[in-house]
Protein backbone atom coordinates (compact mmCIF):
# COMPACT_ATOMS: atom_id res chain seq x y z
CA UNK A 1 -2.06 7.94 -7.80
CA UNK A 2 -2.57 6.95 -11.43
CA UNK A 3 0.39 4.55 -11.27
CA UNK A 4 -1.16 2.80 -8.29
CA UNK A 5 -4.54 2.54 -10.03
CA UNK A 6 -2.85 1.04 -13.09
CA UNK A 7 -0.90 -1.45 -10.94
CA UNK A 8 -4.11 -2.57 -9.18
CA UNK A 9 -5.99 -2.86 -12.49
CA UNK A 10 -3.19 -5.00 -13.95
CA UNK A 11 -3.23 -7.35 -10.95
CA UNK A 12 -7.03 -7.57 -11.15
CA UNK A 13 -6.86 -8.46 -14.85
CA UNK A 14 -4.24 -11.17 -14.25
CA UNK A 15 -6.20 -12.69 -11.37
CA UNK A 16 -9.46 -12.61 -13.32
CA UNK A 17 -7.77 -14.52 -16.16
CA UNK A 18 -6.46 -17.07 -13.68
CA UNK A 19 -9.85 -17.39 -11.95
CA UNK A 20 -11.96 -17.66 -15.09
CA UNK A 21 -9.66 -19.53 -17.49
CA UNK A 22 -6.64 -21.22 -15.90
CA UNK A 23 -8.08 -22.55 -12.63
CA UNK A 24 -11.22 -24.10 -14.19
CA UNK A 25 -8.91 -26.03 -16.58
CA UNK A 26 -6.78 -27.23 -13.66
CA UNK A 27 -9.87 -28.30 -11.71
CA UNK A 28 -11.26 -30.21 -14.69
CA UNK A 29 -7.91 -31.93 -15.26
CA UNK A 30 -7.65 -32.86 -11.56
CA UNK A 31 -11.22 -34.18 -11.53
CA UNK A 32 -10.33 -36.52 -14.39
CA UNK A 33 -7.90 -38.29 -12.05
CA UNK A 34 -10.83 -39.79 -10.16
CA UNK A 35 -11.41 -39.86 -6.39
CA UNK A 36 -11.55 -36.24 -5.20
CA UNK A 37 -11.18 -37.02 -1.50
CA UNK A 38 -7.47 -37.84 -1.90
CA UNK A 39 -6.73 -35.70 -4.95
CA UNK A 40 -4.07 -33.15 -3.91
CA UNK A 41 -4.11 -31.34 -7.29
CA UNK A 42 -7.87 -30.82 -7.04
CA UNK A 43 -7.69 -29.50 -3.46
CA UNK A 44 -4.76 -27.20 -4.29
CA UNK A 45 -6.62 -25.76 -7.29
CA UNK A 46 -9.79 -25.24 -5.21
CA UNK A 47 -7.78 -23.51 -2.45
CA UNK A 48 -6.10 -21.28 -5.02
CA UNK A 49 -9.51 -20.50 -6.52
CA UNK A 50 -10.77 -19.38 -3.09
CA UNK A 51 -7.68 -17.26 -2.48
CA UNK A 52 -7.82 -15.62 -5.93
CA UNK A 53 -11.51 -14.84 -5.48
CA UNK A 54 -10.88 -13.25 -2.06
CA UNK A 55 -7.90 -11.26 -3.37
CA UNK A 56 -9.99 -9.95 -6.27
CA UNK A 57 -12.52 -8.64 -3.75
CA UNK A 58 -9.77 -6.91 -1.75
CA UNK A 59 -8.26 -5.33 -4.86
CA UNK A 60 -11.64 -4.10 -6.11
CA UNK A 61 -12.31 -2.47 -2.72
CA UNK A 62 -8.87 -0.86 -2.66
CA UNK A 63 -9.29 0.44 -6.21
CA UNK A 64 -12.62 1.98 -5.19
CA UNK A 65 -11.04 3.62 -2.12
CA UNK A 66 -8.16 5.06 -4.15
CA UNK A 67 -10.52 6.31 -6.86
CA UNK A 68 -12.40 8.24 -4.16
CA UNK A 69 -9.32 10.14 -2.93
CA UNK A 70 -10.07 13.81 -3.46
CA UNK A 71 -6.81 15.51 -4.45
CA UNK A 72 -8.31 18.91 -3.60
CA UNK A 73 -8.57 17.79 0.05
CA UNK A 74 -4.84 17.05 0.29
CA UNK A 75 -3.25 20.17 1.83
CA UNK A 76 -0.93 22.40 -0.18
CA UNK A 77 1.08 23.64 2.82
CA UNK A 78 1.04 20.70 5.23
CA UNK A 79 2.16 17.08 5.20
CA UNK A 80 -0.32 14.82 3.43
CA UNK A 81 -0.48 11.80 1.14
CA UNK A 82 2.26 12.05 -1.50
CA UNK A 83 4.35 14.56 0.46
CA UNK A 84 8.11 14.26 0.62
CA UNK A 85 9.23 15.36 4.07
CA UNK A 86 12.75 15.91 5.37
CA UNK A 87 12.94 15.70 9.14
CA UNK A 88 15.71 16.26 11.63
CA UNK A 89 15.86 13.40 14.13
CA UNK A 90 16.68 15.51 17.19
CA UNK A 91 18.19 12.66 19.25
CA UNK A 92 20.49 11.42 16.45
CA UNK A 93 21.07 14.88 14.93
CA UNK A 94 20.53 13.48 11.44
CA UNK A 95 18.19 14.35 8.61
CA UNK A 96 15.92 11.68 7.17
CA UNK A 97 13.73 11.99 4.08
CA UNK A 98 10.35 10.25 3.93
CA UNK A 99 7.68 10.10 1.28
CA UNK A 100 4.15 9.38 2.50
CA UNK A 101 2.52 6.79 0.27
CA UNK A 102 -0.38 4.35 0.25
CA UNK A 103 0.14 0.97 1.89
CA UNK A 104 0.70 -0.71 -1.52
CA UNK A 105 3.77 1.42 -2.24
CA UNK A 106 5.56 1.11 1.12
CA UNK A 107 9.29 0.45 0.93
CA UNK A 108 10.95 1.57 4.15
CA UNK A 109 14.46 1.01 2.72
CA UNK A 110 13.66 3.72 0.14
CA UNK A 111 12.00 6.04 2.68
CA UNK A 112 8.49 5.27 1.38
CA UNK A 113 6.26 5.06 4.46
CA UNK A 114 2.54 4.66 4.81
CA UNK A 115 0.30 7.46 6.01
CA UNK A 116 -1.00 4.94 8.55
CA UNK A 117 2.44 4.03 9.97
CA UNK A 118 3.39 5.59 13.34
CA UNK A 119 5.79 8.07 11.69
CA UNK A 120 3.36 8.79 8.83
CA UNK A 121 0.49 9.48 11.25
CA UNK A 122 2.76 11.68 13.36
CA UNK A 123 3.78 13.81 10.39
CA UNK A 124 0.32 14.23 8.79
CA UNK A 125 -0.96 17.79 8.96
CA UNK A 126 2.35 19.26 10.15
CA UNK A 127 4.30 22.14 8.55
CA UNK A 128 7.97 23.12 8.18
CA UNK A 129 9.29 24.13 11.58
CA UNK A 130 6.88 21.89 13.54
CA UNK A 131 8.37 19.43 16.02
CA UNK A 132 6.65 16.12 16.64
CA UNK A 133 7.16 13.35 19.16
CA UNK A 134 6.38 10.00 17.62
CA UNK A 135 5.88 6.80 19.59
CA UNK A 136 7.56 3.95 17.72
CA UNK A 137 8.26 0.37 18.83
CA UNK A 138 11.77 1.34 20.04
CA UNK A 139 10.54 4.29 22.13
CA UNK A 140 9.82 7.92 21.35
CA UNK A 141 11.50 9.90 18.56
CA UNK A 142 11.46 13.66 18.33
CA UNK A 143 11.56 15.06 14.82
CA UNK A 144 11.53 18.56 13.41
CA UNK A 145 10.21 19.11 9.90
CA UNK A 146 12.87 20.97 7.93
CA UNK A 147 11.58 20.60 4.36
CA UNK A 148 8.25 19.75 2.75
CA UNK A 149 7.30 19.10 -0.85
CA UNK A 150 3.60 18.31 -1.18
CA UNK A 151 2.03 16.10 -3.86
CA UNK A 152 0.79 19.29 -5.54
CA UNK A 153 4.32 20.70 -5.89
CA UNK A 154 5.59 17.41 -7.36
CA UNK A 155 2.94 17.23 -10.09
């Protein structure tokens, strides 16, 4: 969780520097070229300024949400945020390992899935030995939880 907070804070700092220092310079320089109605540099800088401002708002909201996560509410014996779960895909008879992460850290190729993804939602609150049927875009998958390491056991 702390790594994610740090990553968000670093992106916020970089965007604030761009918004408050770099973009105003670019806008001033573009304005010096004269007619603003056909000034591509000016319009590009203004668009970037709008995007950066909106992104800063999103990041600030996300940082607030993450700061409010109560670690004591994440279960010690069931799948929750930060859990590493090994499941047996019953149809394929193969084991797959997933780690449930926030949306910022998703990397499906590394088994990092969001708690809000179909598989993540299906696994939340389950224990070793539980079987779950998960509706995914390709159909339904049946999985049995064979191993669970919660965020508390990893710390």
